[in-house]
Protein backbone atom coordinates (compact mmCIF):
# COMPACT_ATOMS: atom_id res chain seq x y z
CA UNK A 1 0.00 0.00 0.00
CA UNK A 2 1.30 3.45 -0.78
CA UNK A 3 0.18 6.40 1.32
CA UNK A 4 1.74 9.57 -0.07
CA UNK A 5 1.74 11.68 3.10
CA UNK A 6 1.46 11.19 6.86
CA UNK A 7 1.66 13.98 9.38
CA UNK A 8 0.02 17.26 10.18
CA UNK A 9 2.03 19.84 8.24
CA UNK A 10 1.03 20.17 4.57
CA UNK A 11 3.70 20.12 1.86
CA UNK A 12 4.07 23.06 -0.45
CA UNK A 13 4.28 20.74 -3.48
CA UNK A 14 1.88 17.85 -3.98
CA UNK A 15 3.12 14.38 -4.88
CA UNK A 16 4.01 14.17 -8.54
CA UNK A 17 3.41 11.17 -10.77
CA UNK A 18 7.20 10.67 -10.89
CA UNK A 19 7.50 10.67 -7.09
CA UNK A 20 4.55 8.30 -6.77
CA UNK A 21 6.29 5.91 -9.20
CA UNK A 22 9.51 6.10 -7.14
CA UNK A 23 7.54 5.21 -4.00
CA UNK A 24 5.66 2.38 -5.76
CA UNK A 25 8.83 0.79 -7.13
CA UNK A 26 10.43 0.90 -3.66
CA UNK A 27 7.38 -0.68 -2.00
CA UNK A 28 7.41 -3.48 -4.57
CA UNK A 29 11.17 -4.01 -4.16
CA UNK A 30 11.00 -4.00 -0.36
CA UNK A 31 8.08 -6.42 -0.42
CA UNK A 32 10.17 -8.79 -2.55
CA UNK A 33 13.21 -8.40 -0.29
CA UNK A 34 11.32 -8.98 2.96
CA UNK A 35 8.98 -11.77 1.80
CA UNK A 36 10.87 -13.56 -0.95
CA UNK A 37 8.38 -15.82 -2.73
CA UNK A 38 5.85 -15.75 0.13
CA UNK A 39 2.49 -13.96 0.02
CA UNK A 40 1.81 -11.00 2.28
CA UNK A 41 -0.96 -11.90 4.71
CA UNK A 42 -3.61 -9.64 6.32
CA UNK A 43 -1.75 -9.09 9.63
CA UNK A 44 1.03 -6.97 8.12
CA UNK A 45 1.39 -4.06 5.71
CA UNK A 46 4.24 -2.37 3.92
CA UNK A 47 3.31 1.28 3.47
CA UNK A 48 5.12 4.36 2.28
CA UNK A 49 4.77 8.10 2.20
CA UNK A 50 6.15 11.23 3.74
CA UNK A 51 6.58 12.01 7.41
CA UNK A 52 6.13 15.76 7.26
CA UNK A 53 6.64 16.58 10.93
CA UNK A 54 7.15 15.07 14.38
CA UNK A 55 3.57 13.86 14.62
CA UNK A 56 4.23 11.22 11.96
CA UNK A 57 5.46 8.67 14.49
CA UNK A 58 2.24 9.04 16.47
CA UNK A 59 0.19 8.81 13.25
CA UNK A 60 1.91 5.51 12.43
CA UNK A 61 1.10 4.12 15.88
CA UNK A 62 -2.52 5.23 15.55
CA UNK A 63 -2.74 3.66 12.09
CA UNK A 64 -1.31 0.35 13.31
CA UNK A 65 -3.77 0.37 16.20
CA UNK A 66 -6.79 1.27 14.04
CA UNK A 67 -5.93 -1.33 11.39
CA UNK A 68 -4.78 -4.00 13.82
CA UNK A 69 -1.73 -4.64 11.63
CA UNK A 70 2.04 -4.59 11.94
CA UNK A 71 3.57 -1.94 9.69
CA UNK A 72 6.80 -1.50 7.80
CA UNK A 73 6.84 2.17 6.84
CA UNK A 74 9.10 3.58 4.13
CA UNK A 75 9.52 7.34 4.49
CA UNK A 76 10.32 9.43 1.42
CA UNK A 77 11.33 13.01 0.86
CA UNK A 78 13.44 15.43 -1.09
CA UNK A 79 17.18 14.89 -0.62
CA UNK A 80 20.34 16.16 -2.31
CA UNK A 81 20.03 13.14 -4.66
CA UNK A 82 16.40 13.91 -5.53
CA UNK A 83 13.23 12.33 -4.20
CA UNK A 84 14.20 9.14 -2.36
CA UNK A 85 13.87 6.83 0.62
CA UNK A 86 14.82 8.74 3.79
CA UNK A 87 13.86 6.40 6.65
CA UNK A 88 12.47 2.98 7.49
CA UNK A 89 10.26 2.32 10.50
CA UNK A 90 8.63 -0.73 12.04
CA UNK A 91 5.46 -0.47 14.09
CA UNK A 92 3.94 -3.40 15.97
CA UNK A 93 1.33 -3.58 18.71
CA UNK A 94 1.88 -6.26 21.33
CA UNK A 95 -0.13 -6.62 24.54
CA UNK A 96 -1.34 -3.02 24.36
CA UNK A 97 2.16 -1.60 23.81
CA UNK A 98 3.15 0.03 20.53
CA UNK A 99 6.70 -0.81 19.49
CA UNK A 100 7.68 1.94 17.07
CA UNK A 101 11.24 2.03 15.74
CA UNK A 102 12.42 4.68 13.29
CA UNK A 103 15.88 4.63 11.73
CA UNK A 104 15.90 0.99 10.67
CA UNK A 105 18.13 -0.37 7.88
CA UNK A 106 17.80 -3.39 5.62
CA UNK A 107 20.18 -6.29 6.11
CA UNK A 108 20.66 -9.10 3.57
CA UNK A 109 22.48 -12.28 4.60
CA UNK A 110 25.31 -13.71 2.47
CA UNK A 111 22.99 -16.46 1.25
CA UNK A 112 20.81 -13.82 -0.41
CA UNK A 113 17.75 -15.09 1.43
CA UNK A 114 15.08 -12.70 2.66
CA UNK A 115 16.17 -9.36 4.07
CA UNK A 116 15.50 -8.34 7.66
CA UNK A 117 15.24 -4.94 9.35
CA UNK A 118 17.93 -3.75 11.72
CA UNK A 119 16.90 -1.13 14.26
CA UNK A 120 19.36 1.44 15.57
CA UNK A 121 22.40 -0.09 17.31
CA UNK A 122 21.05 0.60 20.81
CA UNK A 123 17.96 -1.57 20.15
CA UNK A 124 18.32 -5.31 20.71
CA UNK A 125 17.95 -7.77 17.86
CA UNK A 126 16.34 -7.34 14.47
CA UNK A 127 12.91 -7.67 12.84
CA UNK A 128 11.82 -10.27 10.31
CA UNK A 129 8.62 -9.94 8.32
CA UNK A 130 6.74 -13.20 8.49
CA UNK A 131 3.92 -13.14 5.92
CA UNK A 132 1.38 -11.90 8.49
CA UNK A 133 3.38 -10.20 11.24
CA UNK A 134 6.63 -8.59 12.28
CA UNK A 135 8.73 -10.85 14.45
CA UNK A 136 11.47 -9.62 16.79
CA UNK A 137 14.57 -11.84 16.82
CA UNK A 138 16.68 -11.23 19.91
CA UNK A 139 20.09 -11.14 18.23
CA UNK A 140 21.91 -9.12 15.60
CA UNK A 141 23.68 -10.65 12.58
CA UNK A 142 27.46 -10.93 12.82
CA UNK A 143 28.40 -9.03 9.63
CA UNK A 144 26.08 -6.03 9.94
CA UNK A 145 27.88 -3.54 7.70
CA UNK A 146 28.45 -6.09 4.91
CA UNK A 147 24.79 -7.13 5.11
CA UNK A 148 23.62 -3.52 4.93
CA UNK A 149 25.79 -2.97 1.83
CA UNK A 150 24.35 -6.14 0.22
CA UNK A 151 20.79 -5.02 1.03
CA UNK A 152 21.36 -1.52 -0.31
CA UNK A 153 22.72 -2.90 -3.58
CA UNK A 154 19.86 -5.41 -3.88
CA UNK A 155 17.23 -2.74 -3.21
CA UNK A 156 18.72 -0.48 -5.91
CA UNK A 157 18.78 -3.40 -8.35
CA UNK A 158 15.14 -4.34 -7.68
CA UNK A 159 13.95 -0.72 -7.89
CA UNK A 160 15.81 -0.28 -11.18
CA UNK A 161 14.52 -3.41 -12.93
CA UNK A 162 11.10 -3.53 -11.27
CA UNK A 163 9.39 -6.37 -9.44
CA UNK A 164 6.37 -8.45 -10.41
CA UNK A 165 4.68 -9.48 -7.17
CA UNK A 166 2.36 -11.80 -9.12
CA UNK A 167 -0.53 -11.92 -6.65
CA UNK A 168 1.70 -12.05 -3.57
CA UNK A 169 0.83 -8.50 -2.52
CA UNK A 170 -1.54 -5.76 -3.62
CA UNK A 171 -0.10 -2.31 -4.20
CA UNK A 172 -2.57 0.56 -3.84
CA UNK A 173 -1.90 4.25 -4.39
CA UNK A 174 -4.02 6.73 -2.47
CA UNK A 175 -4.01 10.47 -3.22
CA UNK A 176 -3.34 13.01 -0.50
CA UNK A 177 -6.53 14.37 1.03
CA UNK A 178 -6.94 18.09 0.44
C-alpha atoms as a PDB file:
ATOM      1  CA  UNK A   1       0.000   0.000   0.000  1.00  0.00           C
ATOM      2  CA  UNK A   2       1.298   3.455  -0.785  1.00  0.00           C
ATOM      3  CA  UNK A   3       0.177   6.400   1.323  1.00  0.00           C
ATOM      4  CA  UNK A   4       1.743   9.569  -0.070  1.00  0.00           C
ATOM      5  CA  UNK A   5       1.743  11.678   3.099  1.00  0.00           C
ATOM      6  CA  UNK A   6       1.460  11.193   6.862  1.00  0.00           C
ATOM      7  CA  UNK A   7       1.658  13.979   9.383  1.00  0.00           C
ATOM      8  CA  UNK A   8       0.024  17.264  10.180  1.00  0.00           C
ATOM      9  CA  UNK A   9       2.029  19.837   8.236  1.00  0.00           C
ATOM     10  CA  UNK A  10       1.032  20.171   4.569  1.00  0.00           C
ATOM     11  CA  UNK A  11       3.698  20.122   1.865  1.00  0.00           C
ATOM     12  CA  UNK A  12       4.072  23.064  -0.447  1.00  0.00           C
ATOM     13  CA  UNK A  13       4.276  20.741  -3.476  1.00  0.00           C
ATOM     14  CA  UNK A  14       1.880  17.850  -3.981  1.00  0.00           C
ATOM     15  CA  UNK A  15       3.119  14.377  -4.878  1.00  0.00           C
ATOM     16  CA  UNK A  16       4.007  14.171  -8.544  1.00  0.00           C
ATOM     17  CA  UNK A  17       3.413  11.167 -10.774  1.00  0.00           C
ATOM     18  CA  UNK A  18       7.195  10.672 -10.893  1.00  0.00           C
ATOM     19  CA  UNK A  19       7.503  10.672  -7.089  1.00  0.00           C
ATOM     20  CA  UNK A  20       4.553   8.295  -6.771  1.00  0.00           C
ATOM     21  CA  UNK A  21       6.292   5.911  -9.197  1.00  0.00           C
ATOM     22  CA  UNK A  22       9.508   6.095  -7.138  1.00  0.00           C
ATOM     23  CA  UNK A  23       7.539   5.206  -4.004  1.00  0.00           C
ATOM     24  CA  UNK A  24       5.656   2.380  -5.759  1.00  0.00           C
ATOM     25  CA  UNK A  25       8.835   0.791  -7.127  1.00  0.00           C
ATOM     26  CA  UNK A  26      10.425   0.897  -3.659  1.00  0.00           C
ATOM     27  CA  UNK A  27       7.381  -0.676  -1.999  1.00  0.00           C
ATOM     28  CA  UNK A  28       7.414  -3.481  -4.569  1.00  0.00           C
ATOM     29  CA  UNK A  29      11.172  -4.012  -4.163  1.00  0.00           C
ATOM     30  CA  UNK A  30      10.995  -3.996  -0.359  1.00  0.00           C
ATOM     31  CA  UNK A  31       8.081  -6.424  -0.421  1.00  0.00           C
ATOM     32  CA  UNK A  32      10.171  -8.788  -2.547  1.00  0.00           C
ATOM     33  CA  UNK A  33      13.211  -8.396  -0.293  1.00  0.00           C
ATOM     34  CA  UNK A  34      11.319  -8.982   2.959  1.00  0.00           C
ATOM     35  CA  UNK A  35       8.985 -11.769   1.798  1.00  0.00           C
ATOM     36  CA  UNK A  36      10.874 -13.565  -0.950  1.00  0.00           C
ATOM     37  CA  UNK A  37       8.375 -15.818  -2.730  1.00  0.00           C
ATOM     38  CA  UNK A  38       5.854 -15.748   0.130  1.00  0.00           C
ATOM     39  CA  UNK A  39       2.491 -13.964   0.018  1.00  0.00           C
ATOM     40  CA  UNK A  40       1.808 -10.997   2.275  1.00  0.00           C
ATOM     41  CA  UNK A  41      -0.965 -11.904   4.712  1.00  0.00           C
ATOM     42  CA  UNK A  42      -3.610  -9.640   6.317  1.00  0.00           C
ATOM     43  CA  UNK A  43      -1.754  -9.092   9.627  1.00  0.00           C
ATOM     44  CA  UNK A  44       1.025  -6.970   8.124  1.00  0.00           C
ATOM     45  CA  UNK A  45       1.392  -4.063   5.711  1.00  0.00           C
ATOM     46  CA  UNK A  46       4.236  -2.365   3.924  1.00  0.00           C
ATOM     47  CA  UNK A  47       3.313   1.277   3.469  1.00  0.00           C
ATOM     48  CA  UNK A  48       5.120   4.360   2.279  1.00  0.00           C
ATOM     49  CA  UNK A  49       4.770   8.099   2.198  1.00  0.00           C
ATOM     50  CA  UNK A  50       6.145  11.230   3.736  1.00  0.00           C
ATOM     51  CA  UNK A  51       6.584  12.010   7.405  1.00  0.00           C
ATOM     52  CA  UNK A  52       6.127  15.756   7.265  1.00  0.00           C
ATOM     53  CA  UNK A  53       6.641  16.577  10.930  1.00  0.00           C
ATOM     54  CA  UNK A  54       7.151  15.068  14.380  1.00  0.00           C
ATOM     55  CA  UNK A  55       3.566  13.862  14.622  1.00  0.00           C
ATOM     56  CA  UNK A  56       4.230  11.221  11.955  1.00  0.00           C
ATOM     57  CA  UNK A  57       5.460   8.666  14.486  1.00  0.00           C
ATOM     58  CA  UNK A  58       2.238   9.042  16.469  1.00  0.00           C
ATOM     59  CA  UNK A  59       0.192   8.812  13.254  1.00  0.00           C
ATOM     60  CA  UNK A  60       1.911   5.505  12.431  1.00  0.00           C
ATOM     61  CA  UNK A  61       1.103   4.119  15.879  1.00  0.00           C
ATOM     62  CA  UNK A  62      -2.517   5.228  15.551  1.00  0.00           C
ATOM     63  CA  UNK A  63      -2.737   3.661  12.095  1.00  0.00           C
ATOM     64  CA  UNK A  64      -1.313   0.349  13.314  1.00  0.00           C
ATOM     65  CA  UNK A  65      -3.773   0.368  16.201  1.00  0.00           C
ATOM     66  CA  UNK A  66      -6.786   1.274  14.036  1.00  0.00           C
ATOM     67  CA  UNK A  67      -5.929  -1.327  11.386  1.00  0.00           C
ATOM     68  CA  UNK A  68      -4.781  -4.002  13.817  1.00  0.00           C
ATOM     69  CA  UNK A  69      -1.727  -4.641  11.634  1.00  0.00           C
ATOM     70  CA  UNK A  70       2.036  -4.586  11.943  1.00  0.00           C
ATOM     71  CA  UNK A  71       3.565  -1.941   9.688  1.00  0.00           C
ATOM     72  CA  UNK A  72       6.796  -1.496   7.803  1.00  0.00           C
ATOM     73  CA  UNK A  73       6.844   2.175   6.842  1.00  0.00           C
ATOM     74  CA  UNK A  74       9.099   3.578   4.134  1.00  0.00           C
ATOM     75  CA  UNK A  75       9.520   7.344   4.488  1.00  0.00           C
ATOM     76  CA  UNK A  76      10.322   9.432   1.415  1.00  0.00           C
ATOM     77  CA  UNK A  77      11.328  13.008   0.863  1.00  0.00           C
ATOM     78  CA  UNK A  78      13.437  15.429  -1.085  1.00  0.00           C
ATOM     79  CA  UNK A  79      17.180  14.893  -0.624  1.00  0.00           C
ATOM     80  CA  UNK A  80      20.345  16.160  -2.310  1.00  0.00           C
ATOM     81  CA  UNK A  81      20.031  13.143  -4.659  1.00  0.00           C
ATOM     82  CA  UNK A  82      16.401  13.911  -5.530  1.00  0.00           C
ATOM     83  CA  UNK A  83      13.231  12.329  -4.199  1.00  0.00           C
ATOM     84  CA  UNK A  84      14.202   9.142  -2.356  1.00  0.00           C
ATOM     85  CA  UNK A  85      13.866   6.830   0.625  1.00  0.00           C
ATOM     86  CA  UNK A  86      14.825   8.737   3.789  1.00  0.00           C
ATOM     87  CA  UNK A  87      13.865   6.404   6.653  1.00  0.00           C
ATOM     88  CA  UNK A  88      12.466   2.983   7.490  1.00  0.00           C
ATOM     89  CA  UNK A  89      10.258   2.315  10.503  1.00  0.00           C
ATOM     90  CA  UNK A  90       8.631  -0.728  12.037  1.00  0.00           C
ATOM     91  CA  UNK A  91       5.457  -0.467  14.092  1.00  0.00           C
ATOM     92  CA  UNK A  92       3.942  -3.400  15.971  1.00  0.00           C
ATOM     93  CA  UNK A  93       1.332  -3.579  18.711  1.00  0.00           C
ATOM     94  CA  UNK A  94       1.880  -6.256  21.330  1.00  0.00           C
ATOM     95  CA  UNK A  95      -0.126  -6.615  24.537  1.00  0.00           C
ATOM     96  CA  UNK A  96      -1.341  -3.023  24.359  1.00  0.00           C
ATOM     97  CA  UNK A  97       2.160  -1.602  23.811  1.00  0.00           C
ATOM     98  CA  UNK A  98       3.151   0.030  20.532  1.00  0.00           C
ATOM     99  CA  UNK A  99       6.698  -0.808  19.487  1.00  0.00           C
ATOM    100  CA  UNK A 100       7.680   1.941  17.069  1.00  0.00           C
ATOM    101  CA  UNK A 101      11.238   2.032  15.737  1.00  0.00           C
ATOM    102  CA  UNK A 102      12.424   4.676  13.291  1.00  0.00           C
ATOM    103  CA  UNK A 103      15.876   4.630  11.731  1.00  0.00           C
ATOM    104  CA  UNK A 104      15.897   0.989  10.667  1.00  0.00           C
ATOM    105  CA  UNK A 105      18.128  -0.369   7.885  1.00  0.00           C
ATOM    106  CA  UNK A 106      17.795  -3.386   5.623  1.00  0.00           C
ATOM    107  CA  UNK A 107      20.184  -6.290   6.111  1.00  0.00           C
ATOM    108  CA  UNK A 108      20.661  -9.098   3.571  1.00  0.00           C
ATOM    109  CA  UNK A 109      22.484 -12.276   4.601  1.00  0.00           C
ATOM    110  CA  UNK A 110      25.308 -13.714   2.474  1.00  0.00           C
ATOM    111  CA  UNK A 111      22.988 -16.457   1.253  1.00  0.00           C
ATOM    112  CA  UNK A 112      20.811 -13.820  -0.414  1.00  0.00           C
ATOM    113  CA  UNK A 113      17.747 -15.093   1.431  1.00  0.00           C
ATOM    114  CA  UNK A 114      15.081 -12.696   2.655  1.00  0.00           C
ATOM    115  CA  UNK A 115      16.174  -9.362   4.069  1.00  0.00           C
ATOM    116  CA  UNK A 116      15.502  -8.336   7.657  1.00  0.00           C
ATOM    117  CA  UNK A 117      15.238  -4.938   9.346  1.00  0.00           C
ATOM    118  CA  UNK A 118      17.932  -3.750  11.722  1.00  0.00           C
ATOM    119  CA  UNK A 119      16.904  -1.132  14.265  1.00  0.00           C
ATOM    120  CA  UNK A 120      19.361   1.441  15.569  1.00  0.00           C
ATOM    121  CA  UNK A 121      22.398  -0.092  17.306  1.00  0.00           C
ATOM    122  CA  UNK A 122      21.054   0.603  20.813  1.00  0.00           C
ATOM    123  CA  UNK A 123      17.961  -1.573  20.153  1.00  0.00           C
ATOM    124  CA  UNK A 124      18.318  -5.311  20.708  1.00  0.00           C
ATOM    125  CA  UNK A 125      17.953  -7.771  17.865  1.00  0.00           C
ATOM    126  CA  UNK A 126      16.337  -7.337  14.471  1.00  0.00           C
ATOM    127  CA  UNK A 127      12.910  -7.673  12.838  1.00  0.00           C
ATOM    128  CA  UNK A 128      11.818 -10.273  10.309  1.00  0.00           C
ATOM    129  CA  UNK A 129       8.618  -9.936   8.320  1.00  0.00           C
ATOM    130  CA  UNK A 130       6.740 -13.204   8.486  1.00  0.00           C
ATOM    131  CA  UNK A 131       3.917 -13.143   5.919  1.00  0.00           C
ATOM    132  CA  UNK A 132       1.375 -11.903   8.492  1.00  0.00           C
ATOM    133  CA  UNK A 133       3.380 -10.204  11.241  1.00  0.00           C
ATOM    134  CA  UNK A 134       6.628  -8.587  12.275  1.00  0.00           C
ATOM    135  CA  UNK A 135       8.731 -10.851  14.445  1.00  0.00           C
ATOM    136  CA  UNK A 136      11.466  -9.622  16.787  1.00  0.00           C
ATOM    137  CA  UNK A 137      14.567 -11.841  16.820  1.00  0.00           C
ATOM    138  CA  UNK A 138      16.678 -11.226  19.912  1.00  0.00           C
ATOM    139  CA  UNK A 139      20.090 -11.139  18.227  1.00  0.00           C
ATOM    140  CA  UNK A 140      21.907  -9.117  15.605  1.00  0.00           C
ATOM    141  CA  UNK A 141      23.677 -10.651  12.580  1.00  0.00           C
ATOM    142  CA  UNK A 142      27.464 -10.926  12.818  1.00  0.00           C
ATOM    143  CA  UNK A 143      28.400  -9.027   9.634  1.00  0.00           C
ATOM    144  CA  UNK A 144      26.080  -6.030   9.941  1.00  0.00           C
ATOM    145  CA  UNK A 145      27.877  -3.539   7.705  1.00  0.00           C
ATOM    146  CA  UNK A 146      28.446  -6.094   4.911  1.00  0.00           C
ATOM    147  CA  UNK A 147      24.792  -7.133   5.110  1.00  0.00           C
ATOM    148  CA  UNK A 148      23.617  -3.517   4.931  1.00  0.00           C
ATOM    149  CA  UNK A 149      25.791  -2.974   1.829  1.00  0.00           C
ATOM    150  CA  UNK A 150      24.352  -6.142   0.222  1.00  0.00           C
ATOM    151  CA  UNK A 151      20.794  -5.022   1.031  1.00  0.00           C
ATOM    152  CA  UNK A 152      21.364  -1.516  -0.311  1.00  0.00           C
ATOM    153  CA  UNK A 153      22.716  -2.901  -3.583  1.00  0.00           C
ATOM    154  CA  UNK A 154      19.863  -5.410  -3.878  1.00  0.00           C
ATOM    155  CA  UNK A 155      17.234  -2.736  -3.213  1.00  0.00           C
ATOM    156  CA  UNK A 156      18.724  -0.483  -5.907  1.00  0.00           C
ATOM    157  CA  UNK A 157      18.776  -3.400  -8.350  1.00  0.00           C
ATOM    158  CA  UNK A 158      15.140  -4.337  -7.682  1.00  0.00           C
ATOM    159  CA  UNK A 159      13.951  -0.716  -7.886  1.00  0.00           C
ATOM    160  CA  UNK A 160      15.812  -0.282 -11.185  1.00  0.00           C
ATOM    161  CA  UNK A 161      14.523  -3.405 -12.928  1.00  0.00           C
ATOM    162  CA  UNK A 162      11.103  -3.535 -11.274  1.00  0.00           C
ATOM    163  CA  UNK A 163       9.386  -6.374  -9.445  1.00  0.00           C
ATOM    164  CA  UNK A 164       6.372  -8.449 -10.414  1.00  0.00           C
ATOM    165  CA  UNK A 165       4.684  -9.482  -7.165  1.00  0.00           C
ATOM    166  CA  UNK A 166       2.358 -11.796  -9.117  1.00  0.00           C
ATOM    167  CA  UNK A 167      -0.535 -11.925  -6.653  1.00  0.00           C
ATOM    168  CA  UNK A 168       1.696 -12.052  -3.566  1.00  0.00           C
ATOM    169  CA  UNK A 169       0.826  -8.497  -2.515  1.00  0.00           C
ATOM    170  CA  UNK A 170      -1.535  -5.757  -3.624  1.00  0.00           C
ATOM    171  CA  UNK A 171      -0.097  -2.306  -4.197  1.00  0.00           C
ATOM    172  CA  UNK A 172      -2.572   0.563  -3.840  1.00  0.00           C
ATOM    173  CA  UNK A 173      -1.899   4.246  -4.385  1.00  0.00           C
ATOM    174  CA  UNK A 174      -4.019   6.733  -2.467  1.00  0.00           C
ATOM    175  CA  UNK A 175      -4.010  10.472  -3.220  1.00  0.00           C
ATOM    176  CA  UNK A 176      -3.336  13.005  -0.496  1.00  0.00           C
ATOM    177  CA  UNK A 177      -6.528  14.372   1.034  1.00  0.00           C
ATOM    178  CA  UNK A 178      -6.943  18.087   0.442  1.00  0.00           C
END
